């Protein structure tokens, strides 16, 4: 096991003991990037010189006893997060050449604790996709087998951790975009409660769904990063001002029958899930199936509302103030139309059009208003289950990673890949994906935990317990 493939707590002990240097850690990750990134396409930009310089400064801080809590932690950030003085393209041509004038709160909090940001990671354009094939900069390949997708939209972030190109990535999750690639790549993916981590500096896709969270090899590292990035921020009014204390557990866990028995579930994933259920029972948990009458409404509700919000959020990208601008438009209307046509990819255009349709005067009540009402029903039912049970468990995805190109011609099949993950975003609760072994083709499988709002600590405790002996 290399130094960089150990929990940060062990790395920190070695740093403090003088057995390891931050410069050596950074050099090791840069070597991994040089070896693998050309074939995997996980990083769009690597801050080699900057990271090397920063490492030397943090080594000096360690000797002086003034280093932050994350000294020596090498982090990659998804291309949806702003980092002052650096490009942020959101995986899109429309933000071509854009440099951010400020850092996202989550990014800044990592920097303040002496984490080193090693580069900017590939993602589906504006976070819209489940395979990382919708990036304007090409797909990300799975390190387990490059003929397969990484999952999306935080595919570059997951693969970078999977391939040892960084210790932790900061991704975003709108409908499973942290947890799905984590499952496909065999790493840890944490989506926090909506309102726990500031969204300031996140290039928005759907503002009432988006969450920022860590992808890591170890649950302990995901917990550490969450503890640093969470908390109040005057720049984001949707943050919860009072986070409730952890509640005592009842050792009761639910799984949704309609999910566990879903026809799309790959047999090997179903078998691995049943092994996890038996493991939980051995640990003293009562595990019971519950009915969830809105399983068929989850995806339609999610896609009506997220496309509506994306239509509104992406209207700012018009070629006037920043990013791509079409050449020689004859008037303002042509400037808008051509810029957006040239800058946005097919999937982003599709979702903007869908969102504009459901928000139009003739269809607003039929689609948008109805979807908001169904969202409330889904929230109420999910939270009522979590009053009786500590956790809701499921496979993270219904199948292992798809072959490159397998789902791209049929958007509906692509959308179905989000079926097990969107519930956490629709409701606003936390979700965690941990590895659940591999299928017969050697492709990783994921196990998902969801729990009540702001009960991340309890969920991470169980995730750590379950992930100890998973290979």
Protein backbone atom coordinates (compact mmCIF):
# COMPACT_ATOMS: atom_id res chain seq x y z
CA UNK A 1 0.00 0.00 0.00
CA UNK A 2 1.44 3.38 -0.99
CA UNK A 3 1.51 6.30 1.43
CA UNK A 4 -1.20 8.10 -0.52
CA UNK A 5 -3.52 5.09 -0.31
CA UNK A 6 -3.86 5.20 3.46
CA UNK A 7 -6.41 7.03 5.62
CA UNK A 8 -5.43 10.66 6.15
CA UNK A 9 -5.15 10.11 9.93
CA UNK A 10 -2.24 7.70 9.32
CA UNK A 11 -0.65 10.02 6.75
CA UNK A 12 -0.87 12.90 9.21
CA UNK A 13 0.86 10.86 11.94
CA UNK A 14 3.72 10.18 9.53
CA UNK A 15 3.90 13.85 8.53
CA UNK A 16 4.04 14.98 12.16
CA UNK A 17 6.67 12.36 12.93
CA UNK A 18 8.81 13.54 10.01
CA UNK A 19 8.57 10.17 8.27
CA UNK A 20 6.84 11.67 5.25
CA UNK A 21 6.72 15.05 3.53
CA UNK A 22 3.88 16.86 1.78
CA UNK A 23 6.22 17.38 -1.17
CA UNK A 24 6.65 13.61 -1.51
CA UNK A 25 2.88 13.04 -1.31
CA UNK A 26 2.21 15.63 -4.02
CA UNK A 27 5.00 14.23 -6.23
CA UNK A 28 3.45 10.76 -5.92
CA UNK A 29 0.03 11.97 -7.01
CA UNK A 30 1.49 13.98 -9.89
CA UNK A 31 3.27 10.83 -11.06
CA UNK A 32 -0.05 8.94 -10.97
CA UNK A 33 -1.64 11.72 -13.02
CA UNK A 34 1.15 11.61 -15.58
CA UNK A 35 0.82 7.82 -15.81
CA UNK A 36 -2.96 7.51 -16.03
CA UNK A 37 -4.72 10.76 -16.91
CA UNK A 38 -4.12 10.62 -20.66
CA UNK A 39 -6.04 7.34 -20.90
CA UNK A 40 -8.69 8.12 -18.24
CA UNK A 41 -9.39 11.84 -18.93
CA UNK A 42 -10.21 12.53 -15.27
CA UNK A 43 -8.39 15.87 -14.92
CA UNK A 44 -9.02 18.74 -17.32
CA UNK A 45 -6.26 20.83 -15.80
CA UNK A 46 -3.45 19.94 -13.35
CA UNK A 47 -1.92 22.61 -11.11
CA UNK A 48 1.49 20.95 -10.99
CA UNK A 49 3.72 23.94 -10.33
CA UNK A 50 1.28 25.52 -7.90
CA UNK A 51 0.75 22.28 -5.93
CA UNK A 52 4.50 21.65 -5.73
CA UNK A 53 5.15 25.18 -4.43
CA UNK A 54 2.30 24.91 -1.93
CA UNK A 55 3.61 21.54 -0.69
CA UNK A 56 6.98 23.09 0.21
CA UNK A 57 5.24 25.89 2.12
CA UNK A 58 3.11 23.40 4.07
CA UNK A 59 6.16 21.28 4.88
CA UNK A 60 7.65 24.41 6.46
CA UNK A 61 4.42 24.97 8.40
CA UNK A 62 4.53 21.39 9.70
CA UNK A 63 8.07 21.95 10.99
CA UNK A 64 6.95 25.19 12.65
CA UNK A 65 3.92 23.48 14.21
CA UNK A 66 1.46 25.82 12.49
CA UNK A 67 -0.04 23.57 9.78
CA UNK A 68 -3.80 23.26 9.34
CA UNK A 69 -5.97 20.20 9.97
CA UNK A 70 -5.67 19.01 6.35
CA UNK A 71 -1.94 19.53 5.78
CA UNK A 72 -0.84 16.97 3.19
CA UNK A 73 -4.35 16.13 1.96
CA UNK A 74 -4.31 16.28 -1.84
CA UNK A 75 -7.70 17.22 -3.30
CA UNK A 76 -9.14 17.47 -6.79
CA UNK A 77 -12.19 19.65 -7.46
CA UNK A 78 -15.01 19.07 -9.91
CA UNK A 79 -15.21 21.54 -12.79
CA UNK A 80 -18.45 22.95 -11.34
CA UNK A 81 -16.67 24.55 -8.37
CA UNK A 82 -15.10 28.00 -8.49
CA UNK A 83 -11.47 28.46 -7.46
CA UNK A 84 -10.13 32.00 -7.50
CA UNK A 85 -7.78 32.71 -10.39
CA UNK A 86 -8.47 29.34 -12.01
CA UNK A 87 -10.66 28.19 -14.87
CA UNK A 88 -14.14 26.85 -14.13
CA UNK A 89 -15.81 25.52 -17.28
CA UNK A 90 -18.61 23.31 -15.86
CA UNK A 91 -17.63 20.75 -18.49
CA UNK A 92 -19.01 23.13 -21.14
CA UNK A 93 -17.79 25.10 -24.13
CA UNK A 94 -20.02 28.01 -23.12
CA UNK A 95 -17.65 28.88 -20.25
CA UNK A 96 -14.60 28.66 -22.48
CA UNK A 97 -11.75 30.77 -21.00
CA UNK A 98 -13.76 31.76 -17.89
CA UNK A 99 -11.62 32.32 -14.78
CA UNK A 100 -13.27 32.63 -11.41
CA UNK A 101 -12.72 35.79 -9.37
CA UNK A 102 -13.48 34.01 -6.06
CA UNK A 103 -13.39 30.56 -4.49
CA UNK A 104 -16.38 28.46 -3.52
CA UNK A 105 -16.86 28.40 0.24
CA UNK A 106 -16.20 24.65 0.38
CA UNK A 107 -12.99 25.07 -1.64
CA UNK A 108 -11.80 27.98 0.48
CA UNK A 109 -12.39 26.07 3.72
CA UNK A 110 -10.17 23.25 2.46
CA UNK A 111 -7.45 25.71 1.46
CA UNK A 112 -7.67 27.43 4.86
CA UNK A 113 -6.78 24.11 6.50
CA UNK A 114 -3.78 23.60 4.18
CA UNK A 115 -5.28 21.04 1.80
CA UNK A 116 -3.60 21.14 -1.62
CA UNK A 117 -5.79 21.42 -4.71
CA UNK A 118 -4.03 19.49 -7.44
CA UNK A 119 -6.38 20.10 -10.37
CA UNK A 120 -9.77 20.54 -11.98
CA UNK A 121 -11.76 17.40 -12.79
CA UNK A 122 -13.88 16.42 -15.78
CA UNK A 123 -17.66 16.16 -15.38
CA UNK A 124 -20.87 15.96 -17.37
CA UNK A 125 -21.73 19.40 -18.72
CA UNK A 126 -23.32 21.44 -15.89
CA UNK A 127 -23.70 18.17 -13.97
CA UNK A 128 -26.29 16.86 -16.44
CA UNK A 129 -25.57 13.19 -16.97
CA UNK A 130 -25.08 9.79 -15.36
CA UNK A 131 -22.04 8.52 -17.26
CA UNK A 132 -19.65 11.48 -17.73
CA UNK A 133 -20.09 11.16 -21.50
CA UNK A 134 -21.83 14.56 -21.76
CA UNK A 135 -18.67 16.56 -21.10
CA UNK A 136 -17.59 18.93 -23.85
CA UNK A 137 -14.07 17.60 -23.18
CA UNK A 138 -14.76 13.92 -23.79
CA UNK A 139 -15.80 11.04 -21.54
CA UNK A 140 -14.02 9.82 -18.41
CA UNK A 141 -12.99 6.16 -18.45
CA UNK A 142 -13.32 3.79 -15.52
CA UNK A 143 -9.95 2.78 -13.99
CA UNK A 144 -11.32 -0.73 -13.31
CA UNK A 145 -11.82 -1.15 -17.07
CA UNK A 146 -11.39 1.78 -19.50
CA UNK A 147 -14.00 0.30 -21.87
CA UNK A 148 -16.62 1.27 -19.27
CA UNK A 149 -17.96 4.62 -18.07
CA UNK A 150 -17.03 6.21 -14.75
CA UNK A 151 -20.58 7.27 -13.86
CA UNK A 152 -21.70 10.85 -13.65
CA UNK A 153 -21.76 13.60 -13.28
CA UNK A 154 -18.72 13.60 -10.94
CA UNK A 155 -16.95 10.92 -13.00
CA UNK A 156 -13.58 12.62 -13.13
CA UNK A 157 -13.71 13.16 -9.38
CA UNK A 158 -14.41 9.47 -8.68
CA UNK A 159 -11.82 8.12 -11.11
CA UNK A 160 -9.14 10.46 -9.76
CA UNK A 161 -9.60 8.92 -6.30
CA UNK A 162 -9.96 5.40 -7.72
CA UNK A 163 -6.66 5.71 -9.64
CA UNK A 164 -4.69 7.36 -6.80
CA UNK A 165 -4.41 10.70 -8.60
CA UNK A 166 -5.60 12.46 -5.44
CA UNK A 167 -6.68 11.39 -1.95
CA UNK A 168 -10.06 13.11 -1.95
CA UNK A 169 -12.23 14.84 -4.55
CA UNK A 170 -14.86 17.47 -4.02
CA UNK A 171 -17.87 16.58 -6.18
CA UNK A 172 -21.46 17.70 -6.49
CA UNK A 173 -24.66 15.65 -6.27
CA UNK A 174 -27.96 16.79 -7.81
CA UNK A 175 -29.57 13.37 -8.30
CA UNK A 176 -26.79 10.93 -7.48
CA UNK A 177 -23.80 12.60 -9.14
CA UNK A 178 -21.45 11.78 -6.24
CA UNK A 179 -22.88 8.41 -5.23
CA UNK A 180 -23.35 6.88 -8.68
CA UNK A 181 -19.74 7.36 -9.89
CA UNK A 182 -18.53 6.32 -6.43
CA UNK A 183 -20.44 3.05 -6.87
CA UNK A 184 -19.18 2.52 -10.42
CA UNK A 185 -15.57 3.18 -9.31
CA UNK A 186 -15.56 1.34 -5.99
CA UNK A 187 -14.93 4.36 -3.76
CA UNK A 188 -16.80 6.27 -1.01
CA UNK A 189 -19.28 8.98 -2.04
CA UNK A 190 -21.10 11.25 0.42
CA UNK A 191 -24.04 13.51 -0.39
CA UNK A 192 -24.72 15.70 2.66
CA UNK A 193 -28.10 16.97 3.85
CA UNK A 194 -29.34 19.88 1.74
CA UNK A 195 -28.51 23.00 3.75
CA UNK A 196 -25.45 21.60 5.54
CA UNK A 197 -22.72 22.67 3.05
CA UNK A 198 -22.71 26.09 1.42
CA UNK A 199 -23.42 26.14 -2.32
CA UNK A 200 -21.69 29.50 -2.74
CA UNK A 201 -19.31 29.15 -5.68
CA UNK A 202 -21.03 26.09 -7.14
CA UNK A 203 -22.09 26.67 -10.74
CA UNK A 204 -25.77 25.85 -10.31
CA UNK A 205 -27.73 23.19 -12.17
CA UNK A 206 -30.84 22.83 -9.95
CA UNK A 207 -30.56 25.01 -6.88
CA UNK A 208 -32.99 23.16 -4.60
CA UNK A 209 -31.27 19.81 -5.31
CA UNK A 210 -27.53 20.57 -5.64
CA UNK A 211 -25.18 19.44 -2.85
CA UNK A 212 -21.38 19.54 -2.51
CA UNK A 213 -19.68 16.53 -0.93
CA UNK A 214 -16.51 14.42 -0.79
CA UNK A 215 -15.42 11.33 -2.71
CA UNK A 216 -12.70 9.33 -0.94
CA UNK A 217 -11.16 5.90 -0.46
CA UNK A 218 -12.03 5.90 3.25
CA UNK A 219 -15.16 6.85 5.16
CA UNK A 220 -12.94 8.56 7.77
CA UNK A 221 -11.55 10.89 5.09
CA UNK A 222 -15.04 11.75 3.83
CA UNK A 223 -16.06 12.53 7.42
CA UNK A 224 -13.02 14.75 7.97
CA UNK A 225 -13.64 16.76 4.80
CA UNK A 226 -17.34 17.14 5.60
CA UNK A 227 -16.48 18.48 9.06
CA UNK A 228 -14.30 21.16 7.45
CA UNK A 229 -16.62 22.27 4.63
CA UNK A 230 -19.98 22.21 6.46
CA UNK A 231 -21.56 25.01 8.48
CA UNK A 232 -22.99 28.46 8.23
CA UNK A 233 -22.00 30.85 5.47
CA UNK A 234 -23.50 34.29 4.97
CA UNK A 235 -23.32 33.81 1.20
CA UNK A 236 -25.92 30.97 1.13
CA UNK A 237 -29.31 31.68 2.69
CA UNK A 238 -30.48 28.07 2.24
CA UNK A 239 -28.04 26.82 4.89
CA UNK A 240 -29.63 25.58 8.08
CA UNK A 241 -28.78 27.92 10.96
CA UNK A 242 -29.44 25.23 13.59
CA UNK A 243 -28.26 21.68 12.94
CA UNK A 244 -30.04 19.23 15.24
CA UNK A 245 -27.98 17.04 17.54
CA UNK A 246 -27.38 13.39 16.71
CA UNK A 247 -30.28 11.17 17.72
CA UNK A 248 -29.81 7.83 19.49
CA UNK A 249 -30.20 4.82 17.20
CA UNK A 250 -32.90 2.15 17.42
CA UNK A 251 -30.96 -0.45 15.39
CA UNK A 252 -33.83 -0.63 12.93
CA UNK A 253 -33.17 -0.43 9.17
CA UNK A 254 -35.62 -0.35 6.26
CA UNK A 255 -35.24 -1.26 2.64
CA UNK A 256 -37.85 -0.29 0.06
CA UNK A 257 -39.41 -3.46 -1.34
CA UNK A 258 -40.03 -1.88 -4.74
CA UNK A 259 -36.29 -1.11 -5.02
CA UNK A 260 -34.97 -4.44 -3.74
CA UNK A 261 -37.29 -6.29 -6.13
CA UNK A 262 -36.94 -3.90 -9.08
CA UNK A 263 -36.79 -5.71 -12.46
CA UNK A 264 -33.78 -3.64 -13.57
CA UNK A 265 -31.63 -4.90 -10.67
CA UNK A 266 -28.56 -6.83 -11.83
CA UNK A 267 -28.61 -10.31 -10.17
CA UNK A 268 -25.07 -9.97 -8.81
CA UNK A 269 -25.92 -6.62 -7.21
CA UNK A 270 -29.07 -8.11 -5.68
CA UNK A 271 -27.03 -11.00 -4.25
CA UNK A 272 -24.37 -8.65 -2.86
CA UNK A 273 -27.09 -6.46 -1.32
CA UNK A 274 -28.59 -9.51 0.40
CA UNK A 275 -25.15 -10.29 1.85
CA UNK A 276 -25.03 -6.77 3.30
CA UNK A 277 -28.49 -7.25 4.81
CA UNK A 278 -27.33 -10.45 6.51
CA UNK A 279 -24.22 -8.66 7.78
CA UNK A 280 -26.41 -5.96 9.32
CA UNK A 281 -28.51 -8.61 11.05
CA UNK A 282 -25.35 -10.17 12.49
CA UNK A 283 -24.43 -6.71 13.81
CA UNK A 284 -27.73 -6.68 15.71
CA UNK A 285 -29.90 -4.62 13.36
CA UNK A 286 -33.48 -5.43 12.52
CA UNK A 287 -33.81 -5.11 8.73
CA UNK A 288 -37.33 -4.93 7.28
CA UNK A 289 -38.91 -4.27 3.91
CA UNK A 290 -41.29 -1.30 3.65
CA UNK A 291 -43.66 -0.20 0.91
CA UNK A 292 -43.02 3.05 -0.94
CA UNK A 293 -45.97 3.90 -3.17
CA UNK A 294 -44.20 6.70 -5.09
CA UNK A 295 -41.33 4.75 -6.64
CA UNK A 296 -42.66 5.36 -10.17
CA UNK A 297 -43.02 9.09 -9.44
CA UNK A 298 -39.44 9.64 -8.24
CA UNK A 299 -37.78 10.14 -11.62
CA UNK A 300 -40.57 12.16 -13.29
CA UNK A 301 -40.73 14.49 -10.28
CA UNK A 302 -36.96 14.87 -10.24
CA UNK A 303 -36.66 15.58 -13.97
CA UNK A 304 -39.59 18.02 -14.16
CA UNK A 305 -38.24 20.09 -11.27
CA UNK A 306 -34.52 19.94 -12.10
CA UNK A 307 -35.03 20.83 -15.76
CA UNK A 308 -37.23 23.75 -14.71
CA UNK A 309 -34.53 25.02 -12.36
CA UNK A 310 -31.82 24.48 -14.96
CA UNK A 311 -33.81 26.50 -17.51
CA UNK A 312 -33.79 29.39 -15.05
CA UNK A 313 -30.19 28.98 -13.82
CA UNK A 314 -28.62 28.58 -17.26
CA UNK A 315 -30.32 31.64 -18.73
CA UNK A 316 -27.37 33.69 -17.45
CA UNK A 317 -25.05 32.07 -20.02
CA UNK A 318 -25.88 34.29 -23.00
CA UNK A 319 -22.52 35.49 -24.33
CA UNK A 320 -22.83 38.99 -22.91
CA UNK A 321 -20.75 39.08 -19.72
CA UNK A 322 -18.48 36.01 -19.74
CA UNK A 323 -17.66 32.79 -21.52
CA UNK A 324 -18.21 31.93 -25.17
CA UNK A 325 -19.62 34.54 -27.54
CA UNK A 326 -20.61 33.80 -31.14
CA UNK A 327 -18.71 35.60 -33.89
CA UNK A 328 -20.27 38.53 -35.78
CA UNK A 329 -23.95 38.38 -34.71
CA UNK A 330 -26.22 40.73 -36.68
CA UNK A 331 -28.30 41.66 -33.61
CA UNK A 332 -28.79 40.87 -29.91
CA UNK A 333 -31.24 38.03 -30.50
CA UNK A 334 -28.84 36.28 -32.85
CA UNK A 335 -26.06 36.78 -30.27
CA UNK A 336 -28.15 34.92 -27.67
CA UNK A 337 -29.33 32.15 -29.98
CA UNK A 338 -26.04 31.38 -31.68
CA UNK A 339 -23.98 31.61 -28.49
CA UNK A 340 -26.23 29.15 -26.67
CA UNK A 341 -26.50 26.84 -29.67
CA UNK A 342 -22.72 26.74 -30.09
CA UNK A 343 -21.86 26.65 -26.39
CA UNK A 344 -24.33 24.14 -24.94
CA UNK A 345 -24.16 20.43 -25.68
CA UNK A 346 -27.14 18.33 -26.78
CA UNK A 347 -28.10 17.09 -23.30
CA UNK A 348 -27.99 20.58 -21.78
CA UNK A 349 -30.10 21.94 -24.64
CA UNK A 350 -32.57 19.08 -24.13
CA UNK A 351 -32.97 19.82 -20.43
CA UNK A 352 -33.25 23.57 -20.92
CA UNK A 353 -36.00 23.00 -23.50
CA UNK A 354 -37.83 20.56 -21.20
CA UNK A 355 -37.54 23.01 -18.31
CA UNK A 356 -38.73 25.95 -20.38
CA UNK A 357 -41.71 23.86 -21.51
CA UNK A 358 -42.81 22.85 -17.99
CA UNK A 359 -42.49 26.47 -16.83
CA UNK A 360 -44.50 27.89 -19.73
CA UNK A 361 -47.84 29.52 -18.92
CA UNK A 362 -49.93 26.78 -20.56
CA UNK A 363 -48.22 23.88 -18.79
CA UNK A 364 -46.98 25.35 -15.47
CA UNK A 365 -49.81 23.90 -13.37
CA UNK A 366 -49.96 20.61 -15.26
CA UNK A 367 -46.28 19.84 -14.73
CA UNK A 368 -44.31 22.14 -12.43
CA UNK A 369 -46.98 22.72 -9.78
CA UNK A 370 -47.99 19.06 -9.79
CA UNK A 371 -44.36 17.94 -9.46
CA UNK A 372 -43.89 20.21 -6.44
CA UNK A 373 -46.93 18.61 -4.80
CA UNK A 374 -45.63 15.11 -5.53
CA UNK A 375 -42.22 16.14 -4.16
CA UNK A 376 -43.92 16.96 -0.87
CA UNK A 377 -45.66 13.56 -0.83
CA UNK A 378 -42.32 11.83 -1.45
CA UNK A 379 -40.68 13.89 1.30
CA UNK A 380 -43.43 13.16 3.82
CA UNK A 381 -43.44 9.43 3.11
CA UNK A 382 -39.63 9.13 3.25
CA UNK A 383 -39.37 11.08 6.50
CA UNK A 384 -42.19 9.03 8.03
CA UNK A 385 -40.19 5.86 7.29
CA UNK A 386 -37.15 7.47 8.93
CA UNK A 387 -39.18 8.15 12.08
CA UNK A 388 -39.49 4.38 12.55
CA UNK A 389 -36.07 3.36 11.17
CA UNK A 390 -32.52 4.67 11.50
CA UNK A 391 -31.64 4.12 7.84
CA UNK A 392 -33.05 3.29 4.43
CA UNK A 393 -30.69 1.00 2.51
CA UNK A 394 -30.49 0.00 -1.16
CA UNK A 395 -28.00 -0.78 -3.88
CA UNK A 396 -26.58 2.55 -5.08
CA UNK A 397 -27.29 1.64 -8.72
CA UNK A 398 -29.29 -1.08 -10.42
CA UNK A 399 -26.29 -2.24 -12.47
CA UNK A 400 -22.53 -1.91 -12.60
CA UNK A 401 -20.88 0.54 -15.02
CA UNK A 402 -22.15 0.63 -18.60
CA UNK A 403 -19.93 0.21 -21.63
CA UNK A 404 -18.92 3.52 -23.22
CA UNK A 405 -21.67 4.59 -25.62
CA UNK A 406 -24.15 1.97 -24.38
CA UNK A 407 -26.77 4.42 -23.07
CA UNK A 408 -26.02 7.59 -25.04
CA UNK A 409 -28.57 7.02 -27.81
CA UNK A 410 -31.50 6.59 -25.40
CA UNK A 411 -31.80 9.40 -22.81
CA UNK A 412 -34.63 7.56 -21.00
CA UNK A 413 -32.36 4.57 -20.31
CA UNK A 414 -29.72 6.99 -19.05
CA UNK A 415 -32.22 8.68 -16.73
CA UNK A 416 -33.31 5.31 -15.28
CA UNK A 417 -29.78 4.88 -13.95
CA UNK A 418 -30.59 7.52 -11.31
CA UNK A 419 -33.61 5.64 -9.93
CA UNK A 420 -32.10 4.62 -6.58
CA UNK A 421 -30.21 7.86 -5.90
CA UNK A 422 -32.66 10.68 -6.71
CA UNK A 423 -34.78 10.08 -3.59
CA UNK A 424 -32.13 11.63 -1.31
CA UNK A 425 -32.07 14.80 -3.44
CA UNK A 426 -35.85 15.08 -3.84
CA UNK A 427 -36.21 14.82 -0.04
CA UNK A 428 -33.00 16.67 0.92
CA UNK A 429 -31.61 13.90 3.14
CA UNK A 430 -28.01 12.61 3.29
CA UNK A 431 -26.86 9.60 1.30
CA UNK A 432 -23.67 7.55 1.38
CA UNK A 433 -22.38 5.03 -1.16
CA UNK A 434 -19.79 2.51 -0.01
CA UNK A 435 -18.16 -0.29 -2.03
CA UNK A 436 -19.98 -3.64 -2.11
CA UNK A 437 -17.39 -5.78 -3.89
CA UNK A 438 -17.22 -6.38 -7.66
CA UNK A 439 -19.26 -8.36 -10.16
CA UNK A 440 -17.94 -11.26 -12.24
CA UNK A 441 -16.53 -8.79 -14.80
CA UNK A 442 -14.49 -7.05 -12.08
CA UNK A 443 -16.70 -3.95 -12.09
CA UNK A 444 -17.39 -2.36 -8.68
CA UNK A 445 -20.82 -2.42 -6.99
CA UNK A 446 -22.16 0.12 -4.49
CA UNK A 447 -24.27 -0.07 -1.32
CA UNK A 448 -26.29 3.02 -0.32
CA UNK A 449 -27.32 4.30 3.09
CA UNK A 450 -29.80 7.16 3.58
CA UNK A 451 -30.84 8.65 6.90
CA UNK A 452 -32.69 11.56 8.51
CA UNK A 453 -31.61 15.16 7.83
CA UNK A 454 -28.34 16.18 9.52
CA UNK A 455 -27.65 12.68 10.87
CA UNK A 456 -24.48 12.25 8.81
CA UNK A 457 -22.39 11.15 11.82
CA UNK A 458 -24.63 8.16 12.49
CA UNK A 459 -24.66 7.22 8.80
CA UNK A 460 -20.86 7.50 8.51
CA UNK A 461 -20.40 5.36 11.63
CA UNK A 462 -22.37 2.51 10.06
CA UNK A 463 -20.73 3.07 6.68
CA UNK A 464 -17.30 2.75 8.28
CA UNK A 465 -18.33 -0.44 10.06
CA UNK A 466 -19.69 -2.01 6.87
CA UNK A 467 -16.83 -0.98 4.60
CA UNK A 468 -14.04 -2.44 6.74
CA UNK A 469 -14.00 -5.88 5.15
CA UNK A 470 -15.30 -5.06 1.66
CA UNK A 471 -12.86 -5.72 -1.19
